[in-house]
C-alpha atoms as a PDB file:
ATOM      1  CA  MET A   1     -16.046 -31.067   0.319  1.00  0.00           C
ATOM      2  CA  ALA A   2     -15.540 -31.770  -3.363  1.00  0.00           C
ATOM      3  CA  GLN A   3     -11.801 -32.182  -2.822  1.00  0.00           C
ATOM      4  CA  CYS A   4     -12.430 -34.630   0.043  1.00  0.00           C
ATOM      5  CA  SER A   5     -14.590 -36.751  -2.241  1.00  0.00           C
ATOM      6  CA  ARG A   6     -11.673 -36.821  -4.681  1.00  0.00           C
ATOM      7  CA  GLY A   7      -9.442 -38.349  -2.017  1.00  0.00           C
ATOM      8  CA  ARG A   8      -7.559 -35.247  -0.870  1.00  0.00           C
ATOM      9  CA  LYS A   9      -6.216 -35.685   2.661  1.00  0.00           C
ATOM     10  CA  SER A  10      -4.557 -32.283   3.106  1.00  0.00           C
ATOM     11  CA  LEU A  11      -4.456 -28.786   1.680  1.00  0.00           C
ATOM     12  CA  ASP A  12      -1.611 -26.278   1.837  1.00  0.00           C
ATOM     13  CA  LEU A  13      -2.969 -22.760   2.298  1.00  0.00           C
ATOM     14  CA  GLY A  14       0.487 -21.260   1.887  1.00  0.00           C
ATOM     15  CA  ILE A  15       2.472 -19.051   4.216  1.00  0.00           C
ATOM     16  CA  GLY A  16       1.202 -16.029   6.050  1.00  0.00           C
ATOM     17  CA  GLU A  17      -1.444 -15.056   8.532  1.00  0.00           C
ATOM     18  CA  ALA A  18      -5.039 -14.801   7.360  1.00  0.00           C
ATOM     19  CA  ARG A  19      -8.301 -14.940   9.274  1.00  0.00           C
ATOM     20  CA  TYR A  20      -9.885 -17.453   6.893  1.00  0.00           C
ATOM     21  CA  LYS A  21      -7.041 -19.899   7.526  1.00  0.00           C
ATOM     22  CA  ARG A  22      -7.927 -20.050  11.227  1.00  0.00           C
ATOM     23  CA  LEU A  23     -11.453 -21.106  10.264  1.00  0.00           C
ATOM     24  CA  PHE A  24     -10.163 -24.258   8.622  1.00  0.00           C
ATOM     25  CA  CYS A  25      -6.929 -25.025  10.455  1.00  0.00           C
ATOM     26  CA  ASN A  26      -6.416 -25.693  14.135  1.00  0.00           C
ATOM     27  CA  GLU A  27      -2.715 -26.371  13.695  1.00  0.00           C
ATOM     28  CA  VAL A  28       0.095 -23.866  13.125  1.00  0.00           C
ATOM     29  CA  GLU A  29       3.391 -24.935  11.633  1.00  0.00           C
ATOM     30  CA  ASP A  30       6.463 -22.834  12.313  1.00  0.00           C
ATOM     31  CA  LEU A  31       8.564 -21.781   9.347  1.00  0.00           C
ATOM     32  CA  VAL A  32      12.326 -21.531   9.394  1.00  0.00           C
ATOM     33  CA  ASP A  33      14.545 -19.641   6.972  1.00  0.00           C
ATOM     34  CA  VAL A  34      17.855 -21.369   6.340  1.00  0.00           C
ATOM     35  CA  PHE A  35      20.776 -19.844   4.462  1.00  0.00           C
ATOM     36  CA  VAL A  36      23.761 -22.012   3.587  1.00  0.00           C
ATOM     37  CA  PRO A  37      26.339 -19.908   1.755  1.00  0.00           C
ATOM     38  CA  VAL A  38      29.135 -21.784   0.014  1.00  0.00           C
ATOM     39  CA  THR A  39      31.177 -18.838  -1.274  1.00  0.00           C
ATOM     40  CA  ALA A  40      32.352 -15.505   0.117  1.00  0.00           C
ATOM     41  CA  LEU A  41      29.825 -13.699  -2.065  1.00  0.00           C
ATOM     42  CA  GLY A  42      27.165 -16.107  -0.858  1.00  0.00           C
ATOM     43  CA  ARG A  43      28.049 -15.264   2.743  1.00  0.00           C
ATOM     44  CA  LEU A  44      27.610 -11.553   2.026  1.00  0.00           C
ATOM     45  CA  TYR A  45      24.315 -12.222   0.295  1.00  0.00           C
ATOM     46  CA  GLY A  46      23.197 -14.457   3.173  1.00  0.00           C
ATOM     47  CA  LEU A  47      23.944 -11.730   5.709  1.00  0.00           C
ATOM     48  CA  ALA A  48      21.987  -9.169   3.686  1.00  0.00           C
ATOM     49  CA  VAL A  49      18.983 -11.452   3.247  1.00  0.00           C
ATOM     50  CA  GLU A  50      19.051 -12.386   6.923  1.00  0.00           C
ATOM     51  CA  GLN A  51      18.906  -8.692   7.856  1.00  0.00           C
ATOM     52  CA  LEU A  52      15.984  -8.132   5.484  1.00  0.00           C
ATOM     53  CA  VAL A  53      14.091 -11.097   6.938  1.00  0.00           C
ATOM     54  CA  THR A  54      14.709  -9.814  10.468  1.00  0.00           C
ATOM     55  CA  ALA A  55      13.481  -6.339   9.510  1.00  0.00           C
ATOM     56  CA  LYS A  56      10.370  -7.782   7.842  1.00  0.00           C
ATOM     57  CA  ARG A  57       9.579  -9.871  10.918  1.00  0.00           C
ATOM     58  CA  TYR A  58       9.980  -6.814  13.152  1.00  0.00           C
ATOM     59  CA  VAL A  59       7.622  -4.730  11.006  1.00  0.00           C
ATOM     60  CA  LYS A  60       4.980  -7.472  10.871  1.00  0.00           C
ATOM     61  CA  GLN A  61       5.155  -7.961  14.655  1.00  0.00           C
ATOM     62  CA  THR A  62       4.897  -4.216  15.406  1.00  0.00           C
ATOM     63  CA  PRO A  63       1.240  -3.206  14.981  1.00  0.00           C
ATOM     64  CA  ARG A  64       1.925   0.491  14.309  1.00  0.00           C
ATOM     65  CA  LEU A  65       4.524  -0.256  11.641  1.00  0.00           C
ATOM     66  CA  TRP A  66       2.354  -2.948  10.051  1.00  0.00           C
ATOM     67  CA  THR A  67      -0.542  -0.465   9.854  1.00  0.00           C
ATOM     68  CA  VAL A  68       1.730   1.995   8.034  1.00  0.00           C
ATOM     69  CA  VAL A  69       2.845  -0.688   5.576  1.00  0.00           C
ATOM     70  CA  GLN A  70      -0.757  -1.659   4.846  1.00  0.00           C
ATOM     71  CA  ALA A  71      -1.709   1.990   4.283  1.00  0.00           C
ATOM     72  CA  LEU A  72       1.230   2.439   1.892  1.00  0.00           C
ATOM     73  CA  ARG A  73       0.215  -0.679  -0.017  1.00  0.00           C
ATOM     74  CA  MET A  74      -3.346   0.598  -0.370  1.00  0.00           C
ATOM     75  CA  ALA A  75      -2.120   3.998  -1.551  1.00  0.00           C
ATOM     76  CA  ARG A  76       0.204   2.380  -4.089  1.00  0.00           C
ATOM     77  CA  ALA A  77      -2.661   0.218  -5.401  1.00  0.00           C
ATOM     78  CA  LYS A  78      -4.947   3.254  -5.750  1.00  0.00           C
ATOM     79  CA  LEU A  79      -2.261   5.019  -7.775  1.00  0.00           C
ATOM     80  CA  GLY A  80      -1.914   1.989 -10.019  1.00  0.00           C
ATOM     81  CA  LEU A  81       1.706   1.410  -9.031  1.00  0.00           C
ATOM     82  CA  ALA A  82       1.188  -2.117  -7.746  1.00  0.00           C
END
């Protein structure tokens, strides 16, 4: 409420899925990744990044894989490797 009283009309909660965001936002905006390579090396880089983005999307949309990733992150944090 304090931000509203200061004249704020909108707030960007950043990318990603989070339960708290659904409490405040009833609107979802789709994100699009765009790669525009201008050199041969840029085209190679663009292809590699595109494959990584596709793999990340697949993992996040596959509940079993996403559970494994979360467990690995927790284990890494406990070991102090984060």
